[in-house]
Protein backbone atom coordinates (compact mmCIF):
# COMPACT_ATOMS: atom_id res chain seq x y z
CA MET A 1 -8.56 -19.10 30.23
CA ILE A 2 -10.60 -16.24 30.34
CA HIS A 3 -14.19 -16.77 31.19
CA GLY A 4 -16.28 -15.66 34.33
CA ARG A 5 -15.04 -12.48 36.72
CA SER A 6 -11.39 -12.99 34.78
CA PHE A 7 -13.45 -11.99 31.89
CA SER A 8 -14.76 -8.55 33.08
CA ILE A 9 -11.09 -8.00 34.67
CA PHE A 10 -9.04 -8.61 30.94
CA ARG A 11 -11.43 -5.96 29.46
CA ARG A 12 -10.73 -3.25 32.12
CA LYS A 13 -7.03 -3.76 31.97
CA LEU A 14 -6.95 -3.58 28.45
CA LEU A 15 -8.58 -0.40 28.22
CA ASP A 16 -6.98 1.29 31.39
CA TRP A 17 -3.93 0.15 29.70
CA PHE A 18 -5.35 1.64 26.22
CA HIS A 19 -6.23 4.50 27.77
CA GLN A 20 -3.07 5.20 29.15
CA TYR A 21 -0.38 4.37 27.20
CA GLN A 22 -2.10 4.43 23.38
CA ARG A 23 0.22 6.62 20.75
CA GLU A 24 -1.15 9.91 19.88
CA LEU A 25 -1.66 9.52 16.03
CA PRO A 26 -3.38 12.01 14.31
CA TRP A 27 -6.82 9.73 13.60
CA ARG A 28 -6.75 9.21 16.94
CA GLY A 29 -9.65 10.60 19.07
CA THR A 30 -12.20 11.64 16.49
CA ASN A 31 -15.15 9.58 15.06
CA ASP A 32 -15.55 11.00 11.80
CA PRO A 33 -16.15 8.05 9.44
CA TYR A 34 -14.41 9.66 6.53
CA ARG A 35 -10.76 9.98 8.66
CA VAL A 36 -11.19 6.87 10.55
CA TRP A 37 -11.46 4.95 6.93
CA LEU A 38 -8.48 6.96 5.54
CA SER A 39 -6.46 5.98 8.14
CA GLU A 40 -7.41 2.22 7.90
CA VAL A 41 -6.71 1.70 3.92
CA MET A 42 -3.52 3.82 4.15
CA LEU A 43 -1.84 1.68 6.79
CA GLN A 44 -2.97 -1.59 4.70
CA GLN A 45 0.82 -3.18 4.79
CA THR A 46 2.43 0.41 5.80
CA ARG A 47 4.12 1.11 9.08
CA VAL A 48 2.89 3.86 10.79
CA ALA A 49 5.31 6.20 10.58
CA ALA A 50 5.46 6.19 6.72
CA VAL A 51 1.46 6.88 7.00
CA ILE A 52 1.30 10.11 9.13
CA PRO A 53 2.68 12.75 6.63
CA TYR A 54 0.57 10.97 3.72
CA TYR A 55 -2.24 11.19 6.15
CA GLU A 56 -2.15 14.73 6.74
CA ARG A 57 -1.58 16.12 3.25
CA PHE A 58 -3.93 13.92 1.80
CA LEU A 59 -6.68 15.69 4.30
CA GLN A 60 -5.39 18.73 3.28
CA ARG A 61 -6.15 18.54 -0.53
CA PHE A 62 -9.24 16.11 0.14
CA PRO A 63 -10.95 17.42 3.76
CA THR A 64 -14.59 15.68 2.50
CA ILE A 65 -15.35 12.32 1.02
CA GLU A 66 -17.46 14.87 -1.25
CA ALA A 67 -13.52 16.45 -2.39
CA LEU A 68 -12.02 13.46 -2.75
CA ALA A 69 -14.93 12.10 -4.67
CA SER A 70 -14.68 14.71 -7.06
CA ALA A 71 -11.18 15.27 -7.97
CA PRO A 72 -9.02 14.03 -11.04
CA GLU A 73 -7.83 10.94 -10.71
CA GLU A 74 -4.38 11.80 -11.44
CA ASP A 75 -4.61 14.00 -8.38
CA VAL A 76 -5.49 11.43 -6.35
CA LEU A 77 -2.88 9.43 -7.21
CA ARG A 78 -0.31 12.09 -6.91
CA MET A 79 -1.34 12.69 -3.50
CA TRP A 80 -0.46 8.99 -2.84
CA SER A 81 2.52 9.04 -4.86
CA GLY A 82 4.96 7.03 -2.63
CA LEU A 83 2.62 5.26 -0.25
CA GLY A 84 2.72 2.26 -2.65
CA TYR A 85 -0.49 -0.49 -3.30
CA TYR A 86 -1.98 2.69 -5.76
CA SER A 87 -5.07 0.43 -6.24
CA ARG A 88 -5.84 1.38 -2.56
CA ALA A 89 -5.96 4.84 -3.71
CA ARG A 90 -8.32 4.42 -6.84
CA ASN A 91 -10.93 1.80 -4.67
CA LEU A 92 -10.97 4.98 -2.04
CA GLN A 93 -11.98 7.42 -4.81
CA ARG A 94 -14.37 4.64 -6.35
CA ALA A 95 -15.81 3.85 -2.84
CA ALA A 96 -16.30 7.80 -2.70
CA GLN A 97 -18.04 8.83 -5.71
CA GLU A 98 -20.61 5.43 -4.09
CA ILE A 99 -20.81 7.03 -1.10
CA VAL A 100 -21.73 10.21 -2.61
CA ALA A 101 -24.22 9.36 -5.28
CA ARG A 102 -25.98 6.14 -3.07
CA PHE A 103 -25.59 7.80 0.61
CA CYS A 104 -25.40 11.58 0.29
CA GLY A 105 -21.96 11.67 1.12
CA GLU A 106 -22.46 9.83 4.48
CA PHE A 107 -20.63 6.60 5.15
CA PRO A 108 -23.18 3.74 5.36
CA ARG A 109 -23.61 2.45 8.80
CA SER A 110 -24.42 -0.50 7.82
CA GLU A 111 -21.62 -3.30 7.59
CA LYS A 112 -23.50 -5.08 4.61
CA GLU A 113 -23.79 -1.86 2.68
CA ALA A 114 -19.84 -0.98 3.97
CA ARG A 115 -18.93 -3.97 3.06
CA GLU A 116 -19.78 -3.39 -1.07
CA LEU A 117 -17.87 -0.48 -1.19
CA PRO A 118 -14.78 -1.03 -3.17
CA GLY A 119 -11.50 -2.17 -0.91
CA ILE A 120 -13.73 -2.49 1.97
CA GLY A 121 -13.69 -5.87 3.73
CA ALA A 122 -14.58 -7.23 6.88
CA TYR A 123 -11.69 -6.09 8.87
CA THR A 124 -11.95 -2.55 7.16
CA ALA A 125 -16.11 -2.27 7.61
CA ALA A 126 -15.67 -3.36 11.57
CA ALA A 127 -13.04 -0.87 12.45
CA ILE A 128 -14.87 1.87 10.32
CA LEU A 129 -17.83 1.06 11.75
CA SER A 130 -16.86 0.51 15.66
CA ILE A 131 -14.93 3.22 16.18
CA ALA A 132 -16.79 6.04 14.06
CA TYR A 133 -20.66 5.07 14.92
CA GLY A 134 -20.30 2.33 17.99
CA GLU A 135 -20.78 -0.57 15.88
CA LYS A 136 -20.72 -4.06 17.94
CA LEU A 137 -18.00 -5.59 15.60
CA ALA A 138 -14.97 -7.37 16.16
CA ALA A 139 -12.18 -6.38 13.80
CA LEU A 140 -9.74 -8.95 13.06
CA ASP A 141 -6.43 -7.78 11.21
CA GLY A 142 -2.70 -9.29 11.47
CA ASN A 143 -2.30 -7.63 15.20
CA VAL A 144 -5.01 -8.65 16.26
CA ALA A 145 -4.72 -12.02 15.30
CA ARG A 146 -1.80 -12.49 16.80
CA VAL A 147 -2.48 -11.21 20.11
CA LEU A 148 -5.45 -14.23 19.75
CA ALA A 149 -3.06 -16.72 18.73
CA ARG A 150 -1.18 -16.19 22.15
CA LEU A 151 -3.81 -15.62 24.23
CA PHE A 152 -5.32 -18.98 23.82
CA ALA A 153 -2.21 -20.59 22.30
CA ILE A 154 -3.41 -21.59 18.84
CA GLU A 155 -1.39 -23.02 16.84
CA GLY A 156 -1.50 -23.92 12.71
CA ASP A 157 -1.43 -20.98 10.12
CA LEU A 158 -3.82 -18.40 11.35
CA ARG A 159 -4.86 -17.72 7.72
CA GLU A 160 -6.11 -21.38 6.95
CA GLY A 161 -10.09 -20.65 6.46
CA LYS A 162 -11.13 -22.43 9.76
CA ARG A 163 -8.69 -21.34 12.08
CA TRP A 164 -9.23 -17.36 10.52
CA GLN A 165 -13.18 -17.87 11.39
CA GLU A 166 -11.85 -19.15 15.07
CA LEU A 167 -9.79 -16.02 15.57
CA GLN A 168 -12.97 -14.03 14.40
CA ASP A 169 -15.24 -16.01 16.82
CA ARG A 170 -12.85 -15.38 19.88
CA ALA A 171 -12.53 -11.88 18.73
CA ASP A 172 -16.35 -11.93 18.19
CA PHE A 173 -16.52 -13.31 22.23
CA LEU A 174 -13.96 -10.44 23.91
CA LEU A 175 -15.28 -7.39 22.25
CA ASP A 176 -16.10 -4.83 24.76
CA ARG A 177 -19.90 -3.88 23.22
CA LYS A 178 -19.81 -0.87 25.26
CA SER A 179 -16.77 0.34 24.04
CA PRO A 180 -16.07 -1.34 20.58
CA GLY A 181 -14.30 1.37 19.18
CA ASP A 182 -11.25 1.51 21.60
CA TRP A 183 -11.35 -2.23 22.08
CA ASN A 184 -10.82 -2.87 18.99
CA GLN A 185 -8.40 -0.54 18.72
CA ALA A 186 -6.98 -1.21 22.62
CA MET A 187 -6.07 -5.10 20.76
CA MET A 188 -3.99 -3.52 17.63
CA GLU A 189 -2.10 -1.60 19.70
CA LEU A 190 -1.68 -4.24 21.86
CA GLY A 191 -0.16 -6.59 18.89
CA ALA A 192 1.53 -3.24 16.95
CA THR A 193 3.34 -2.22 20.39
CA VAL A 194 3.63 -5.22 22.74
CA CYS A 195 2.63 -8.76 21.87
CA THR A 196 5.04 -8.27 18.20
CA PRO A 197 5.75 -10.75 15.82
CA ARG A 198 9.23 -11.14 17.37
CA SER A 199 10.31 -10.83 20.49
CA PRO A 200 7.09 -10.09 22.43
CA GLN A 201 7.23 -7.70 25.44
CA CYS A 202 5.29 -10.12 28.22
CA LEU A 203 6.70 -8.15 30.68
CA LEU A 204 5.04 -5.43 29.75
CA CYS A 205 1.82 -6.94 29.02
CA PRO A 206 -1.65 -5.42 31.05
CA VAL A 207 -3.22 -9.08 30.44
CA ALA A 208 0.26 -11.48 30.34
CA GLU A 209 -1.91 -13.14 33.37
CA PHE A 210 -4.49 -14.53 31.01
CA CYS A 211 -2.04 -15.75 28.08
CA GLU A 212 -2.11 -19.49 27.68
CA ALA A 213 0.92 -19.05 24.71
CA ARG A 214 3.40 -17.69 27.93
CA LYS A 215 1.78 -19.92 30.33
CA LEU A 216 3.09 -23.05 27.92
CA GLY A 217 6.24 -21.32 27.34
CA MET A 218 5.07 -20.57 23.67
CA ALA A 219 4.61 -16.75 23.36
CA GLU A 220 7.72 -16.34 20.87
CA SER A 221 6.66 -19.42 18.80
CA LEU A 222 3.44 -18.05 18.10
CA PRO A 223 1.83 -17.98 15.87
CA ALA A 224 3.30 -19.94 13.52
CA ILE A 225 5.78 -18.58 10.48
CA ARG A 226 3.58 -18.75 7.41
CA LYS A 227 5.68 -19.97 4.35
CA LYS A 228 6.43 -16.69 2.00
CA ARG A 229 5.33 -16.74 -1.33
CA THR A 230 8.43 -17.02 -4.10
CA LEU A 231 9.92 -13.87 -4.93
CA VAL A 232 9.75 -12.95 -8.51
CA GLU A 233 12.26 -11.28 -10.13
CA VAL A 234 11.32 -9.27 -12.83
CA ALA A 235 13.95 -7.12 -14.64
CA LEU A 236 12.82 -4.10 -17.08
CA ALA A 237 14.47 -1.45 -19.22
CA SER A 238 13.42 1.79 -19.38
CA ALA A 239 14.61 4.60 -21.92
CA VAL A 240 14.93 8.21 -20.49
CA PHE A 241 14.42 10.63 -23.19
CA VAL A 242 16.40 14.14 -22.58
CA ASP A 243 16.38 17.26 -24.95
CA GLY A 244 18.35 20.21 -24.77
CA GLN A 245 16.02 22.09 -22.31
CA GLY A 246 16.54 18.89 -20.02
CA ARG A 247 13.10 17.63 -20.37
CA THR A 248 11.82 13.85 -20.97
CA LEU A 249 9.01 12.09 -21.94
CA LEU A 250 6.87 9.77 -19.70
CA LEU A 251 3.93 7.67 -21.16
CA PRO A 252 0.56 6.70 -19.27
CA ALA A 253 0.07 3.10 -18.24
CA PRO A 254 -0.72 0.71 -20.99
CA GLU A 255 -3.96 -0.89 -20.83
CA SER A 256 -4.00 -4.39 -19.66
CA SER A 257 -4.89 -6.97 -22.90
CA ASN A 258 -5.88 -9.45 -19.77
CA GLY A 259 -3.61 -12.03 -22.21
CA GLY A 260 -1.43 -12.64 -19.45
CA ASP A 261 1.73 -10.52 -21.43
CA GLN A 262 4.70 -8.70 -20.44
CA HIS A 263 2.60 -5.29 -20.86
CA ASP A 264 0.12 -6.54 -18.55
CA ASP A 265 2.90 -7.13 -15.92
CA ILE A 266 4.29 -3.62 -16.60
CA ALA A 267 0.45 -2.35 -16.38
CA ALA A 268 0.12 -3.96 -13.02
CA LEU A 269 3.61 -2.71 -11.58
CA VAL A 270 3.39 1.13 -12.71
CA SER A 271 -0.22 0.88 -11.32
CA LYS A 272 -1.45 3.68 -14.08
CA MET A 273 1.14 5.46 -13.12
CA TRP A 274 3.21 7.94 -15.31
CA HIS A 275 6.15 5.95 -16.33
CA PHE A 276 9.41 5.80 -18.73
CA PRO A 277 8.92 4.18 -22.04
CA THR A 278 9.63 0.85 -20.68
CA ILE A 279 10.06 -3.28 -21.69
CA ALA A 280 10.66 -6.28 -20.11
CA ALA A 281 14.08 -7.48 -20.43
CA ARG A 282 15.95 -10.29 -18.73
CA THR A 283 18.62 -10.39 -21.10
CA LYS A 284 20.45 -8.03 -23.42
CA PRO A 285 18.35 -4.67 -22.32
CA ASP A 286 19.67 -2.17 -24.56
CA LYS A 287 19.03 -4.47 -27.48
CA VAL A 288 15.25 -5.31 -26.36
CA LEU A 289 15.04 -1.64 -25.43
CA HIS A 290 16.07 -0.64 -28.78
CA GLU A 291 14.01 -2.62 -30.78
CA HIS A 292 10.69 -1.81 -28.60
CA LEU A 293 11.75 2.18 -29.15
CA ARG A 294 11.98 1.04 -32.90
CA ALA A 295 8.63 0.05 -32.76
CA LEU A 296 7.04 2.22 -30.83
CA LEU A 297 8.50 5.29 -32.97
CA ALA A 298 7.74 3.67 -35.99
CA LEU A 299 11.55 4.16 -37.04
CA THR A 300 12.91 2.89 -40.51
CA ALA A 301 16.25 0.98 -40.54
CA LYS A 302 17.09 4.83 -42.38
CA THR A 303 16.34 6.61 -39.21
CA GLN A 304 19.21 8.07 -37.09
CA ARG A 305 20.17 5.09 -34.75
CA LEU A 306 19.28 5.72 -31.40
CA VAL A 307 21.78 6.09 -28.84
CA LEU A 308 21.51 4.77 -25.26
CA GLU A 309 23.46 5.45 -22.64
CA SER A 310 23.47 2.76 -20.02
CA LEU A 311 22.56 4.03 -16.30
CA PRO A 312 23.06 2.41 -12.58
CA PRO A 313 19.70 -0.08 -11.97
CA ALA A 314 16.95 0.77 -9.97
CA ARG A 315 15.75 -1.51 -7.82
CA HIS A 316 12.27 -2.05 -5.95
CA SER A 317 9.71 -4.18 -4.23
CA VAL A 318 6.26 -4.71 -4.72
CA THR A 319 4.33 -7.50 -2.46
CA TYR A 320 5.86 -10.55 -3.89
CA ARG A 321 7.77 -8.92 -7.07
CA ALA A 322 12.06 -7.68 -7.08
CA LEU A 323 12.07 -5.15 -9.23
CA THR A 324 15.31 -4.18 -11.25
CA VAL A 325 15.07 -1.79 -13.54
CA GLN A 326 17.98 -0.72 -15.83
CA PRO A 327 17.89 2.58 -16.94
CA TYR A 328 19.03 4.32 -20.59
CA ARG A 329 19.78 7.87 -21.23
CA ILE A 330 19.13 8.98 -24.78
CA ARG A 331 19.80 12.45 -25.31
CA CYS A 332 18.26 14.20 -28.49
CA GLU A 333 18.01 17.41 -30.20
CA HIS A 334 13.83 17.33 -29.87
CA LEU A 335 12.19 14.50 -27.83
CA PRO A 336 9.95 12.31 -30.28
CA ARG A 337 5.96 12.61 -30.13
CA ILE A 338 4.32 9.75 -29.01
CA ALA A 339 0.71 9.67 -28.73
CA GLY A 340 -0.89 10.63 -25.26
CA ALA A 341 2.73 11.19 -23.71
CA LYS A 342 3.66 14.08 -21.41
CA VAL A 343 6.42 16.18 -21.77
CA VAL A 344 7.71 17.06 -18.23
CA ALA A 345 11.37 18.59 -16.85
CA LEU A 346 13.46 15.47 -15.65
CA SER A 347 14.19 17.14 -12.46
CA GLU A 348 10.38 16.89 -11.64
CA VAL A 349 9.94 13.26 -12.17
CA ALA A 350 13.44 12.86 -10.30
CA ALA A 351 12.51 15.22 -7.43
CA HIS A 352 8.64 14.68 -4.73
CA SER A 353 6.80 16.45 -7.25
CA SER A 354 3.33 17.20 -8.34
CA LEU A 355 3.27 13.99 -10.81
CA ALA A 356 1.53 10.96 -10.35
CA ILE A 357 4.72 8.82 -10.53
CA SER A 358 5.82 5.66 -8.78
CA ASN A 359 8.84 5.64 -6.88
CA LEU A 360 10.33 3.27 -9.12
CA THR A 361 9.95 6.05 -11.94
CA ARG A 362 11.54 8.10 -9.71
CA LYS A 363 14.68 6.48 -9.13
CA ALA A 364 15.15 5.64 -13.10
CA ALA A 365 14.86 9.71 -13.16
CA ARG A 366 17.39 10.39 -10.26
CA ALA A 367 20.03 8.08 -12.10
CA ALA A 368 19.14 10.09 -15.06
CA MET A 369 20.58 13.07 -13.67
CA LEU A 370 23.73 11.55 -12.90
CA PRO A 371 27.20 12.55 -15.01
CA SER A 372 27.14 11.05 -18.50
CA LYS A 373 28.95 7.89 -19.51
CA ALA A 374 29.98 6.43 -22.32
CA PRO A 375 27.03 5.22 -24.38
CA SER A 376 26.58 1.80 -25.38
CA GLY A 377 24.23 0.93 -28.23
CA ASP A 378 22.50 -2.52 -30.00
């Protein structure tokens, strides 16, 4: 157990290890709250390697909180495009606008005020305030929780309310109040690089001698595996109009109707990004899409019939959803007129362009760039 003299030894060993072996990351070694905050938001449910280029590009475009607050939302989403979980980007900008309006552009030092900002919870507030301002707050995320569960041999579902509070209490107990920022980063680094979910590297752990789970032979079985949320299969059909100049149509995301219908599902999936005309279609996607387009374009029975050319399906995963979109290319002399639509080059949609689009839309565009096959209709 960690107590008495061993308490100071534990802290010293972990901090010495962190100072010697921490990864070189672009957000390390700074106490700029904006940079710390941005890194913490980007790292939510996203691998470090994937975040680094986005982090650097984002700061080049929005070097300050004021720059982020005053930017058009589409620019923010464009710089976030491909990183996923776009609500993070919208909350980031909303919070920046509140910081400018309420705190003269300076990230608040109070935990209460920080947690009132959009997208900032207990962990994010503790991480930012401890690293940027030296506030004595213990940050508890998944990596830290795993370390604590093994150190103290805590069994059961760590996310269960009372158990999570126990973990927070343990984190508060261990916190080095002289160096709270470094301490929180050291605990997170230990969980990310040594005390990993599978096959923890106990022989390399600087504090292995204090680990109750290791002493009990439980290091690999803790923490308990959480029951995963049932995967929801979502089938969509998208229309990729292409005119003679290689241009296509993109639509803004549909507004949520709060009615729980398929339009709400699509609005959530495209996250207010530009996308192709899309409809949920579990069966007969060509027929479902054809009827959707007839209604969208107000076509009559006398109007020329749309010819849908089936393309290879695109697949994508978002949290608990497994998405399959069946794209159809529709060649036309002139692109149809749709209120609010954007006309862009198909090649620009398929590439990592300046557009605020999702990976799902980009995959459908790339499929539409393939050579033609025999068309199909309803």
